[in-house]
């Protein structure tokens, strides 16, 4: 099921009332949940969440001509300290009805098969922010098409972009074991134990992104698995409050795995990639020709092999003498 959102039937009534009365649209709040609607449900008929989890916020909001742009946000900050790990899969936006003054549902959204795994708030770690940009087209036409803006991408699109970018990425499935945990010294006591999971070719400069599989989220919640991890040489290190009762299955994305960045921005291996030849329209490599007046030092710095002032004066004086003899 794809990501999608629609103004509800009540939301359409609110928008119509705002236009009829000349009243501004007053957005009141956002709620997020982890429920999932079936594919045959009309989102316009959804007036409440399938399963409520917490309150969200509205970030950017602007109105241009007949388009209303909104960015729905959720933060796993201290205000949500009592919210455990969950799959953010739906949200609903509420607004004030200008005629009745009551708070009513404006639009409902489902993330479909692209729900987001949200870890709990962790003391000592910066909160995460999940953004969902929307655009509504307000029109007096009977049929209005509403589509997501270009800023929204699917999980597959995101992974494809990362893999083709200069960052490079490695994606693999890992198992967080139930044994072999050691006392931790990285988090200053926030998470008392850690576990090093072997990952071939991992280095300290990489950025790990660990996503627990949905069927293991309860295990991760019970052991208070940290939402953050780090890479060390040959392994990824995860943290927890206590050892998990059973092994936890997760997906790992390692960013920054490309060992070489070429001028065209395509990751590759320095042993197999070469620079293109530079031209008036192509960015590439050049060779300094001997006798061209350019010199390259041991650090790769290019300079002009120009004569010093005394040499120039000597050449000039010699030229004048030669001319006089002629």
C-alpha atoms as a PDB file:
ATOM      1  CA  UNK A   1       0.000   0.000   0.000  1.00  0.00           C
ATOM      2  CA  UNK A   2       1.344   3.442  -0.956  1.00  0.00           C
ATOM      3  CA  UNK A   3       1.685   6.576   1.121  1.00  0.00           C
ATOM      4  CA  UNK A   4      -1.390   8.756   0.773  1.00  0.00           C
ATOM      5  CA  UNK A   5      -3.479  11.473   2.396  1.00  0.00           C
ATOM      6  CA  UNK A   6      -6.832  13.168   1.818  1.00  0.00           C
ATOM      7  CA  UNK A   7      -8.928  15.923   3.332  1.00  0.00           C
ATOM      8  CA  UNK A   8     -11.706  14.139   5.195  1.00  0.00           C
ATOM      9  CA  UNK A   9     -15.366  14.835   4.451  1.00  0.00           C
ATOM     10  CA  UNK A  10     -15.360  17.047   7.542  1.00  0.00           C
ATOM     11  CA  UNK A  11     -12.150  18.689   6.325  1.00  0.00           C
ATOM     12  CA  UNK A  12     -13.808  19.585   3.036  1.00  0.00           C
ATOM     13  CA  UNK A  13     -16.683  21.116   4.974  1.00  0.00           C
ATOM     14  CA  UNK A  14     -14.206  23.189   7.001  1.00  0.00           C
ATOM     15  CA  UNK A  15     -12.441  24.446   3.875  1.00  0.00           C
ATOM     16  CA  UNK A  16     -15.758  25.305   2.223  1.00  0.00           C
ATOM     17  CA  UNK A  17     -16.893  27.186   5.334  1.00  0.00           C
ATOM     18  CA  UNK A  18     -13.605  29.130   5.463  1.00  0.00           C
ATOM     19  CA  UNK A  19     -14.050  30.257   1.848  1.00  0.00           C
ATOM     20  CA  UNK A  20     -17.744  31.079   2.313  1.00  0.00           C
ATOM     21  CA  UNK A  21     -17.198  33.081   5.500  1.00  0.00           C
ATOM     22  CA  UNK A  22     -13.860  34.580   4.493  1.00  0.00           C
ATOM     23  CA  UNK A  23     -12.372  33.094   7.661  1.00  0.00           C
ATOM     24  CA  UNK A  24      -8.769  31.910   8.053  1.00  0.00           C
ATOM     25  CA  UNK A  25      -8.012  28.212   8.385  1.00  0.00           C
ATOM     26  CA  UNK A  26      -7.040  27.601  12.022  1.00  0.00           C
ATOM     27  CA  UNK A  27      -4.976  24.431  12.443  1.00  0.00           C
ATOM     28  CA  UNK A  28      -5.118  23.152  16.020  1.00  0.00           C
ATOM     29  CA  UNK A  29      -3.071  19.970  16.467  1.00  0.00           C
ATOM     30  CA  UNK A  30      -1.692  16.760  14.975  1.00  0.00           C
ATOM     31  CA  UNK A  31      -1.922  13.198  16.313  1.00  0.00           C
ATOM     32  CA  UNK A  32       0.193  10.256  15.166  1.00  0.00           C
ATOM     33  CA  UNK A  33      -0.507   6.545  15.438  1.00  0.00           C
ATOM     34  CA  UNK A  34       0.702   3.080  14.536  1.00  0.00           C
ATOM     35  CA  UNK A  35      -2.517   1.709  13.021  1.00  0.00           C
ATOM     36  CA  UNK A  36      -2.977   0.663   9.423  1.00  0.00           C
ATOM     37  CA  UNK A  37      -6.044   1.033   7.246  1.00  0.00           C
ATOM     38  CA  UNK A  38      -7.009  -1.563   4.685  1.00  0.00           C
ATOM     39  CA  UNK A  39      -6.575  -0.787   0.999  1.00  0.00           C
ATOM     40  CA  UNK A  40     -10.318  -0.557   0.310  1.00  0.00           C
ATOM     41  CA  UNK A  41     -10.869   2.257   2.842  1.00  0.00           C
ATOM     42  CA  UNK A  42     -11.513   5.763   1.518  1.00  0.00           C
ATOM     43  CA  UNK A  43      -9.164   8.029   3.495  1.00  0.00           C
ATOM     44  CA  UNK A  44     -11.741  10.820   3.310  1.00  0.00           C
ATOM     45  CA  UNK A  45     -13.952   8.750   5.644  1.00  0.00           C
ATOM     46  CA  UNK A  46     -11.248   8.414   8.333  1.00  0.00           C
ATOM     47  CA  UNK A  47     -12.182  10.747  11.196  1.00  0.00           C
ATOM     48  CA  UNK A  48      -9.864   9.252  13.828  1.00  0.00           C
ATOM     49  CA  UNK A  49      -6.656   7.264  14.035  1.00  0.00           C
ATOM     50  CA  UNK A  50      -6.779   3.499  13.897  1.00  0.00           C
ATOM     51  CA  UNK A  51      -4.527   3.437  16.972  1.00  0.00           C
ATOM     52  CA  UNK A  52      -3.425   6.649  18.716  1.00  0.00           C
ATOM     53  CA  UNK A  53       0.156   6.897  20.036  1.00  0.00           C
ATOM     54  CA  UNK A  54       1.121  10.534  20.652  1.00  0.00           C
ATOM     55  CA  UNK A  55       0.761  14.167  19.642  1.00  0.00           C
ATOM     56  CA  UNK A  56       2.763  15.611  16.771  1.00  0.00           C
ATOM     57  CA  UNK A  57       3.389  19.178  15.646  1.00  0.00           C
ATOM     58  CA  UNK A  58       3.081  21.325  12.528  1.00  0.00           C
ATOM     59  CA  UNK A  59       6.349  22.796  11.302  1.00  0.00           C
ATOM     60  CA  UNK A  60       6.461  24.783   8.086  1.00  0.00           C
ATOM     61  CA  UNK A  61       3.116  26.117   6.904  1.00  0.00           C
ATOM     62  CA  UNK A  62       2.567  28.505   4.017  1.00  0.00           C
ATOM     63  CA  UNK A  63      -0.097  29.424   1.501  1.00  0.00           C
ATOM     64  CA  UNK A  64       0.705  30.199  -2.131  1.00  0.00           C
ATOM     65  CA  UNK A  65      -2.201  30.970  -4.480  1.00  0.00           C
ATOM     66  CA  UNK A  66      -4.506  27.929  -4.212  1.00  0.00           C
ATOM     67  CA  UNK A  67      -1.976  25.652  -2.510  1.00  0.00           C
ATOM     68  CA  UNK A  68      -1.512  25.075   1.211  1.00  0.00           C
ATOM     69  CA  UNK A  69       1.885  23.634   2.191  1.00  0.00           C
ATOM     70  CA  UNK A  70       2.303  21.882   5.539  1.00  0.00           C
ATOM     71  CA  UNK A  71       5.083  19.889   7.187  1.00  0.00           C
ATOM     72  CA  UNK A  72       3.845  17.455   9.811  1.00  0.00           C
ATOM     73  CA  UNK A  73       6.455  16.586  12.434  1.00  0.00           C
ATOM     74  CA  UNK A  74       7.008  14.155  15.267  1.00  0.00           C
ATOM     75  CA  UNK A  75       9.852  14.503  17.812  1.00  0.00           C
ATOM     76  CA  UNK A  76      10.923  11.729  20.189  1.00  0.00           C
ATOM     77  CA  UNK A  77      11.959  14.368  22.716  1.00  0.00           C
ATOM     78  CA  UNK A  78      11.565  14.654  26.491  1.00  0.00           C
ATOM     79  CA  UNK A  79       7.879  15.534  26.132  1.00  0.00           C
ATOM     80  CA  UNK A  80       7.387  12.004  24.775  1.00  0.00           C
ATOM     81  CA  UNK A  81       9.560  10.271  27.372  1.00  0.00           C
ATOM     82  CA  UNK A  82       6.711   7.859  28.181  1.00  0.00           C
ATOM     83  CA  UNK A  83       6.305   6.778  24.528  1.00  0.00           C
ATOM     84  CA  UNK A  84       8.108   3.551  23.667  1.00  0.00           C
ATOM     85  CA  UNK A  85       9.305   2.314  20.299  1.00  0.00           C
ATOM     86  CA  UNK A  86       6.542   2.285  17.696  1.00  0.00           C
ATOM     87  CA  UNK A  87       5.944   2.228  13.955  1.00  0.00           C
ATOM     88  CA  UNK A  88       4.641   5.616  12.848  1.00  0.00           C
ATOM     89  CA  UNK A  89       2.160   4.643  10.152  1.00  0.00           C
ATOM     90  CA  UNK A  90      -0.632   7.246  10.284  1.00  0.00           C
ATOM     91  CA  UNK A  91      -1.422  10.795  11.353  1.00  0.00           C
ATOM     92  CA  UNK A  92      -4.391  13.115  11.420  1.00  0.00           C
ATOM     93  CA  UNK A  93      -4.526  16.924  11.310  1.00  0.00           C
ATOM     94  CA  UNK A  94      -7.230  18.842  13.154  1.00  0.00           C
ATOM     95  CA  UNK A  95      -8.633  22.334  12.523  1.00  0.00           C
ATOM     96  CA  UNK A  96     -11.215  24.704  14.014  1.00  0.00           C
ATOM     97  CA  UNK A  97     -14.558  24.794  12.189  1.00  0.00           C
ATOM     98  CA  UNK A  98     -15.172  28.520  11.528  1.00  0.00           C
ATOM     99  CA  UNK A  99     -18.965  28.177  11.833  1.00  0.00           C
ATOM    100  CA  UNK A 100     -19.238  26.021  14.965  1.00  0.00           C
ATOM    101  CA  UNK A 101     -15.918  26.765  16.683  1.00  0.00           C
ATOM    102  CA  UNK A 102     -15.389  23.046  17.312  1.00  0.00           C
ATOM    103  CA  UNK A 103     -12.183  21.185  16.642  1.00  0.00           C
ATOM    104  CA  UNK A 104     -12.698  18.718  13.790  1.00  0.00           C
ATOM    105  CA  UNK A 105     -10.565  16.426  11.622  1.00  0.00           C
ATOM    106  CA  UNK A 106      -9.125  18.152   8.544  1.00  0.00           C
ATOM    107  CA  UNK A 107      -7.132  15.398   6.830  1.00  0.00           C
ATOM    108  CA  UNK A 108      -6.002  11.839   7.381  1.00  0.00           C
ATOM    109  CA  UNK A 109      -2.748  10.287   6.130  1.00  0.00           C
ATOM    110  CA  UNK A 110      -1.385   6.771   5.994  1.00  0.00           C
ATOM    111  CA  UNK A 111       2.237   5.819   5.314  1.00  0.00           C
ATOM    112  CA  UNK A 112       1.088   2.492   3.875  1.00  0.00           C
ATOM    113  CA  UNK A 113       3.993   0.085   3.491  1.00  0.00           C
ATOM    114  CA  UNK A 114       6.523   2.821   4.276  1.00  0.00           C
ATOM    115  CA  UNK A 115       5.892   3.206   8.007  1.00  0.00           C
ATOM    116  CA  UNK A 116       8.699   4.733  10.073  1.00  0.00           C
ATOM    117  CA  UNK A 117      10.330   2.985  13.044  1.00  0.00           C
ATOM    118  CA  UNK A 118      10.496   5.541  15.864  1.00  0.00           C
ATOM    119  CA  UNK A 119      12.810   4.749  18.803  1.00  0.00           C
ATOM    120  CA  UNK A 120      11.977   6.012  22.309  1.00  0.00           C
ATOM    121  CA  UNK A 121      13.398   9.155  23.886  1.00  0.00           C
ATOM    122  CA  UNK A 122      16.871   8.546  25.333  1.00  0.00           C
ATOM    123  CA  UNK A 123      18.572  10.763  27.918  1.00  0.00           C
ATOM    124  CA  UNK A 124      21.878  12.071  26.625  1.00  0.00           C
ATOM    125  CA  UNK A 125      21.011  11.590  22.950  1.00  0.00           C
ATOM    126  CA  UNK A 126      19.593  14.264  20.634  1.00  0.00           C
ATOM    127  CA  UNK A 127      15.929  13.707  19.736  1.00  0.00           C
ATOM    128  CA  UNK A 128      14.998  12.573  16.263  1.00  0.00           C
ATOM    129  CA  UNK A 129      12.631  14.510  14.013  1.00  0.00           C
ATOM    130  CA  UNK A 130      10.339  12.876  11.444  1.00  0.00           C
ATOM    131  CA  UNK A 131       9.023  15.254   8.753  1.00  0.00           C
ATOM    132  CA  UNK A 132       6.075  14.623   6.438  1.00  0.00           C
ATOM    133  CA  UNK A 133       5.515  17.460   3.910  1.00  0.00           C
ATOM    134  CA  UNK A 134       2.026  17.843   2.442  1.00  0.00           C
ATOM    135  CA  UNK A 135       0.342  20.078  -0.097  1.00  0.00           C
ATOM    136  CA  UNK A 136      -3.403  20.717  -0.366  1.00  0.00           C
ATOM    137  CA  UNK A 137      -4.987  22.287  -3.430  1.00  0.00           C
ATOM    138  CA  UNK A 138      -7.968  24.446  -2.528  1.00  0.00           C
ATOM    139  CA  UNK A 139     -10.305  24.825  -5.516  1.00  0.00           C
ATOM    140  CA  UNK A 140     -13.974  25.360  -6.324  1.00  0.00           C
ATOM    141  CA  UNK A 141     -13.763  22.542  -8.865  1.00  0.00           C
ATOM    142  CA  UNK A 142     -15.644  19.355  -7.984  1.00  0.00           C
ATOM    143  CA  UNK A 143     -12.708  17.045  -8.713  1.00  0.00           C
ATOM    144  CA  UNK A 144      -9.422  18.035  -7.112  1.00  0.00           C
ATOM    145  CA  UNK A 145      -6.318  15.906  -7.453  1.00  0.00           C
ATOM    146  CA  UNK A 146      -3.976  15.940  -4.451  1.00  0.00           C
ATOM    147  CA  UNK A 147      -0.516  14.414  -4.774  1.00  0.00           C
ATOM    148  CA  UNK A 148       2.553  14.298  -2.550  1.00  0.00           C
ATOM    149  CA  UNK A 149       5.331  16.848  -3.267  1.00  0.00           C
ATOM    150  CA  UNK A 150       8.699  15.893  -4.707  1.00  0.00           C
ATOM    151  CA  UNK A 151      10.256  16.069  -1.229  1.00  0.00           C
ATOM    152  CA  UNK A 152       8.635  12.764  -0.260  1.00  0.00           C
ATOM    153  CA  UNK A 153      10.458   9.622  -1.327  1.00  0.00           C
ATOM    154  CA  UNK A 154       9.827   5.957  -0.702  1.00  0.00           C
ATOM    155  CA  UNK A 155      12.282   3.806   1.230  1.00  0.00           C
ATOM    156  CA  UNK A 156      13.474   2.185  -2.013  1.00  0.00           C
ATOM    157  CA  UNK A 157      14.016   5.601  -3.611  1.00  0.00           C
ATOM    158  CA  UNK A 158      16.013   6.775  -0.587  1.00  0.00           C
ATOM    159  CA  UNK A 159      18.271   3.720  -0.574  1.00  0.00           C
ATOM    160  CA  UNK A 160      18.783   4.050  -4.333  1.00  0.00           C
ATOM    161  CA  UNK A 161      19.747   7.705  -3.880  1.00  0.00           C
ATOM    162  CA  UNK A 162      22.199   6.916  -1.078  1.00  0.00           C
ATOM    163  CA  UNK A 163      23.818   4.162  -3.101  1.00  0.00           C
ATOM    164  CA  UNK A 164      24.295   6.478  -6.075  1.00  0.00           C
ATOM    165  CA  UNK A 165      25.515   9.444  -4.029  1.00  0.00           C
ATOM    166  CA  UNK A 166      29.022  10.329  -2.952  1.00  0.00           C
ATOM    167  CA  UNK A 167      28.346   8.931   0.511  1.00  0.00           C
ATOM    168  CA  UNK A 168      28.061   5.323  -0.592  1.00  0.00           C
ATOM    169  CA  UNK A 169      26.144   2.812   1.506  1.00  0.00           C
ATOM    170  CA  UNK A 170      26.119  -0.817   2.538  1.00  0.00           C
ATOM    171  CA  UNK A 171      22.849  -2.470   3.590  1.00  0.00           C
ATOM    172  CA  UNK A 172      22.680  -5.799   5.393  1.00  0.00           C
ATOM    173  CA  UNK A 173      20.674  -7.718   7.966  1.00  0.00           C
ATOM    174  CA  UNK A 174      22.193  -8.278  11.399  1.00  0.00           C
ATOM    175  CA  UNK A 175      21.292 -10.130  14.585  1.00  0.00           C
ATOM    176  CA  UNK A 176      21.732  -8.384  17.929  1.00  0.00           C
ATOM    177  CA  UNK A 177      22.612 -11.307  20.233  1.00  0.00           C
ATOM    178  CA  UNK A 178      21.173 -12.103  23.641  1.00  0.00           C
ATOM    179  CA  UNK A 179      24.644 -12.828  25.069  1.00  0.00           C
ATOM    180  CA  UNK A 180      28.184 -11.512  24.786  1.00  0.00           C
ATOM    181  CA  UNK A 181      27.386  -8.030  26.109  1.00  0.00           C
ATOM    182  CA  UNK A 182      30.132  -6.017  27.848  1.00  0.00           C
ATOM    183  CA  UNK A 183      30.221  -3.066  30.280  1.00  0.00           C
ATOM    184  CA  UNK A 184      30.014   0.189  28.345  1.00  0.00           C
ATOM    185  CA  UNK A 185      32.171   3.282  28.790  1.00  0.00           C
ATOM    186  CA  UNK A 186      30.998   5.324  25.782  1.00  0.00           C
ATOM    187  CA  UNK A 187      27.692   6.683  27.116  1.00  0.00           C
ATOM    188  CA  UNK A 188      28.775   7.722  30.634  1.00  0.00           C
ATOM    189  CA  UNK A 189      26.367   5.298  32.273  1.00  0.00           C
ATOM    190  CA  UNK A 190      23.285   6.142  30.192  1.00  0.00           C
ATOM    191  CA  UNK A 191      23.433   2.645  28.726  1.00  0.00           C
ATOM    192  CA  UNK A 192      25.426   0.313  31.009  1.00  0.00           C
ATOM    193  CA  UNK A 193      26.151  -2.437  28.470  1.00  0.00           C
ATOM    194  CA  UNK A 194      27.204  -2.682  24.839  1.00  0.00           C
ATOM    195  CA  UNK A 195      27.688  -5.371  22.216  1.00  0.00           C
ATOM    196  CA  UNK A 196      30.035  -5.417  19.219  1.00  0.00           C
ATOM    197  CA  UNK A 197      28.450  -7.071  16.183  1.00  0.00           C
ATOM    198  CA  UNK A 198      31.077  -8.112  13.600  1.00  0.00           C
ATOM    199  CA  UNK A 199      30.654  -6.311  10.265  1.00  0.00           C
ATOM    200  CA  UNK A 200      33.259  -6.875   7.584  1.00  0.00           C
ATOM    201  CA  UNK A 201      34.978  -3.706   6.320  1.00  0.00           C
ATOM    202  CA  UNK A 202      33.341  -1.470   8.963  1.00  0.00           C
ATOM    203  CA  UNK A 203      35.482   1.509  10.020  1.00  0.00           C
ATOM    204  CA  UNK A 204      35.185   4.194  12.684  1.00  0.00           C
ATOM    205  CA  UNK A 205      34.429   6.854  10.050  1.00  0.00           C
ATOM    206  CA  UNK A 206      31.192   5.216   8.908  1.00  0.00           C
ATOM    207  CA  UNK A 207      27.711   6.230  10.084  1.00  0.00           C
ATOM    208  CA  UNK A 208      25.471   3.300  11.151  1.00  0.00           C
ATOM    209  CA  UNK A 209      21.664   3.287  10.922  1.00  0.00           C
ATOM    210  CA  UNK A 210      20.099   0.348  12.789  1.00  0.00           C
ATOM    211  CA  UNK A 211      16.397  -0.440  12.255  1.00  0.00           C
ATOM    212  CA  UNK A 212      14.814  -3.171  14.390  1.00  0.00           C
ATOM    213  CA  UNK A 213      12.441  -5.496  12.550  1.00  0.00           C
ATOM    214  CA  UNK A 214       8.771  -4.977  13.541  1.00  0.00           C
ATOM    215  CA  UNK A 215       8.434  -8.464  15.029  1.00  0.00           C
ATOM    216  CA  UNK A 216      11.373  -7.746  17.376  1.00  0.00           C
ATOM    217  CA  UNK A 217      10.361  -4.277  18.528  1.00  0.00           C
ATOM    218  CA  UNK A 218       8.880  -5.556  21.787  1.00  0.00           C
ATOM    219  CA  UNK A 219      12.180  -7.290  22.634  1.00  0.00           C
ATOM    220  CA  UNK A 220      14.044  -4.044  21.893  1.00  0.00           C
ATOM    221  CA  UNK A 221      11.667  -2.087  24.112  1.00  0.00           C
ATOM    222  CA  UNK A 222      12.003  -4.493  27.049  1.00  0.00           C
ATOM    223  CA  UNK A 223      15.817  -4.353  27.050  1.00  0.00           C
ATOM    224  CA  UNK A 224      15.757  -0.597  26.332  1.00  0.00           C
ATOM    225  CA  UNK A 225      17.904  -0.848  23.220  1.00  0.00           C
ATOM    226  CA  UNK A 226      19.529   2.493  22.429  1.00  0.00           C
ATOM    227  CA  UNK A 227      18.328   4.273  19.258  1.00  0.00           C
ATOM    228  CA  UNK A 228      21.957   5.180  18.552  1.00  0.00           C
ATOM    229  CA  UNK A 229      24.907   3.028  17.532  1.00  0.00           C
ATOM    230  CA  UNK A 230      28.494   3.557  16.426  1.00  0.00           C
ATOM    231  CA  UNK A 231      30.996   1.817  14.212  1.00  0.00           C
ATOM    232  CA  UNK A 232      34.416   0.603  15.267  1.00  0.00           C
ATOM    233  CA  UNK A 233      36.988  -1.203  13.200  1.00  0.00           C
ATOM    234  CA  UNK A 234      35.315  -4.378  11.918  1.00  0.00           C
ATOM    235  CA  UNK A 235      32.097  -4.055  13.941  1.00  0.00           C
ATOM    236  CA  UNK A 236      29.053  -1.982  14.821  1.00  0.00           C
ATOM    237  CA  UNK A 237      28.494  -1.293  18.522  1.00  0.00           C
ATOM    238  CA  UNK A 238      24.967  -1.179  19.977  1.00  0.00           C
ATOM    239  CA  UNK A 239      23.905  -0.182  23.482  1.00  0.00           C
ATOM    240  CA  UNK A 240      21.167  -1.251  25.899  1.00  0.00           C
ATOM    241  CA  UNK A 241      20.014  -1.033  29.507  1.00  0.00           C
ATOM    242  CA  UNK A 242      19.987  -4.829  29.870  1.00  0.00           C
ATOM    243  CA  UNK A 243      20.649  -7.916  27.776  1.00  0.00           C
ATOM    244  CA  UNK A 244      17.753  -8.839  25.456  1.00  0.00           C
ATOM    245  CA  UNK A 245      15.790 -11.946  26.312  1.00  0.00           C
ATOM    246  CA  UNK A 246      16.190 -13.286  22.767  1.00  0.00           C
ATOM    247  CA  UNK A 247      18.254 -12.313  19.708  1.00  0.00           C
ATOM    248  CA  UNK A 248      16.907  -9.236  17.924  1.00  0.00           C
ATOM    249  CA  UNK A 249      16.791  -9.088  14.142  1.00  0.00           C
ATOM    250  CA  UNK A 250      17.559  -5.718  12.579  1.00  0.00           C
ATOM    251  CA  UNK A 251      18.653  -4.043   9.358  1.00  0.00           C
ATOM    252  CA  UNK A 252      21.892  -2.074   9.205  1.00  0.00           C
ATOM    253  CA  UNK A 253      22.763   0.700   6.760  1.00  0.00           C
ATOM    254  CA  UNK A 254      26.377   1.875   6.795  1.00  0.00           C
ATOM    255  CA  UNK A 255      26.819   5.313   5.261  1.00  0.00           C
ATOM    256  CA  UNK A 256      30.184   6.496   4.012  1.00  0.00           C
ATOM    257  CA  UNK A 257      31.367   3.142   2.676  1.00  0.00           C
ATOM    258  CA  UNK A 258      32.693   4.495  -0.604  1.00  0.00           C
ATOM    259  CA  UNK A 259      36.518   4.454  -0.508  1.00  0.00           C
ATOM    260  CA  UNK A 260      36.948   6.885  -3.403  1.00  0.00           C
ATOM    261  CA  UNK A 261      35.022   9.888  -4.685  1.00  0.00           C
ATOM    262  CA  UNK A 262      35.645  10.866  -8.281  1.00  0.00           C
ATOM    263  CA  UNK A 263      35.131  14.321  -9.741  1.00  0.00           C
ATOM    264  CA  UNK A 264      31.861  13.237 -11.307  1.00  0.00           C
ATOM    265  CA  UNK A 265      30.514  12.345  -7.837  1.00  0.00           C
ATOM    266  CA  UNK A 266      30.259   8.603  -8.493  1.00  0.00           C
ATOM    267  CA  UNK A 267      31.660   6.323  -5.774  1.00  0.00           C
ATOM    268  CA  UNK A 268      34.219   3.812  -6.889  1.00  0.00           C
ATOM    269  CA  UNK A 269      37.500   2.095  -6.200  1.00  0.00           C
ATOM    270  CA  UNK A 270      40.621   4.227  -6.654  1.00  0.00           C
ATOM    271  CA  UNK A 271      42.405   1.219  -8.150  1.00  0.00           C
ATOM    272  CA  UNK A 272      39.893   0.871 -10.982  1.00  0.00           C
ATOM    273  CA  UNK A 273      38.640   4.428 -11.593  1.00  0.00           C
ATOM    274  CA  UNK A 274      40.455   7.151 -13.546  1.00  0.00           C
ATOM    275  CA  UNK A 275      39.724  10.828 -14.001  1.00  0.00           C
ATOM    276  CA  UNK A 276      38.279  11.957 -17.325  1.00  0.00           C
ATOM    277  CA  UNK A 277      40.433  14.223 -19.486  1.00  0.00           C
ATOM    278  CA  UNK A 278      39.627  17.858 -18.809  1.00  0.00           C
ATOM    279  CA  UNK A 279      38.172  19.987 -21.581  1.00  0.00           C
ATOM    280  CA  UNK A 280      36.329  23.271 -21.960  1.00  0.00           C
ATOM    281  CA  UNK A 281      33.093  21.503 -20.964  1.00  0.00           C
ATOM    282  CA  UNK A 282      34.323  18.520 -18.899  1.00  0.00           C
ATOM    283  CA  UNK A 283      35.720  18.603 -15.374  1.00  0.00           C
ATOM    284  CA  UNK A 284      38.715  16.280 -15.248  1.00  0.00           C
ATOM    285  CA  UNK A 285      42.444  15.809 -14.861  1.00  0.00           C
ATOM    286  CA  UNK A 286      45.300  17.587 -16.606  1.00  0.00           C
ATOM    287  CA  UNK A 287      49.047  16.880 -16.978  1.00  0.00           C
ATOM    288  CA  UNK A 288      51.665  19.602 -16.740  1.00  0.00           C
ATOM    289  CA  UNK A 289      53.817  19.581 -19.865  1.00  0.00           C
ATOM    290  CA  UNK A 290      57.539  20.061 -19.380  1.00  0.00           C
ATOM    291  CA  UNK A 291      58.719  23.453 -20.570  1.00  0.00           C
ATOM    292  CA  UNK A 292      55.225  24.989 -20.404  1.00  0.00           C
ATOM    293  CA  UNK A 293      56.158  27.379 -17.612  1.00  0.00           C
ATOM    294  CA  UNK A 294      54.147  25.475 -14.993  1.00  0.00           C
ATOM    295  CA  UNK A 295      55.746  23.497 -12.158  1.00  0.00           C
ATOM    296  CA  UNK A 296      54.260  21.062  -9.634  1.00  0.00           C
ATOM    297  CA  UNK A 297      55.861  20.603  -6.219  1.00  0.00           C
ATOM    298  CA  UNK A 298      55.855  17.468  -4.049  1.00  0.00           C
ATOM    299  CA  UNK A 299      52.508  18.438  -2.461  1.00  0.00           C
ATOM    300  CA  UNK A 300      50.721  18.740  -5.786  1.00  0.00           C
ATOM    301  CA  UNK A 301      50.697  22.541  -5.823  1.00  0.00           C
ATOM    302  CA  UNK A 302      50.903  24.160  -9.267  1.00  0.00           C
ATOM    303  CA  UNK A 303      52.827  27.409  -9.772  1.00  0.00           C
ATOM    304  CA  UNK A 304      54.052  29.508 -12.720  1.00  0.00           C
ATOM    305  CA  UNK A 305      57.792  29.187 -13.350  1.00  0.00           C
ATOM    306  CA  UNK A 306      58.227  32.938 -13.664  1.00  0.00           C
ATOM    307  CA  UNK A 307      61.508  34.794 -13.652  1.00  0.00           C
ATOM    308  CA  UNK A 308      62.331  36.869 -10.589  1.00  0.00           C
ATOM    309  CA  UNK A 309      62.719  40.637 -10.980  1.00  0.00           C
ATOM    310  CA  UNK A 310      66.544  40.490 -11.173  1.00  0.00           C
ATOM    311  CA  UNK A 311      66.389  37.821 -13.911  1.00  0.00           C
ATOM    312  CA  UNK A 312      63.891  39.862 -15.894  1.00  0.00           C
ATOM    313  CA  UNK A 313      66.069  42.995 -15.688  1.00  0.00           C
ATOM    314  CA  UNK A 314      69.144  41.018 -16.775  1.00  0.00           C
ATOM    315  CA  UNK A 315      67.296  39.600 -19.782  1.00  0.00           C
ATOM    316  CA  UNK A 316      65.994  43.066 -20.675  1.00  0.00           C
ATOM    317  CA  UNK A 317      69.438  44.660 -20.419  1.00  0.00           C
ATOM    318  CA  UNK A 318      70.941  41.868 -22.556  1.00  0.00           C
ATOM    319  CA  UNK A 319      68.260  42.371 -25.175  1.00  0.00           C
ATOM    320  CA  UNK A 320      69.022  46.091 -25.399  1.00  0.00           C
ATOM    321  CA  UNK A 321      72.738  45.399 -25.787  1.00  0.00           C
ATOM    322  CA  UNK A 322      72.099  42.948 -28.602  1.00  0.00           C
ATOM    323  CA  UNK A 323      69.874  45.435 -30.375  1.00  0.00           C
ATOM    324  CA  UNK A 324      72.618  48.120 -30.080  1.00  0.00           C
ATOM    325  CA  UNK A 325      75.185  45.798 -31.635  1.00  0.00           C
ATOM    326  CA  UNK A 326      72.950  45.173 -34.588  1.00  0.00           C
END
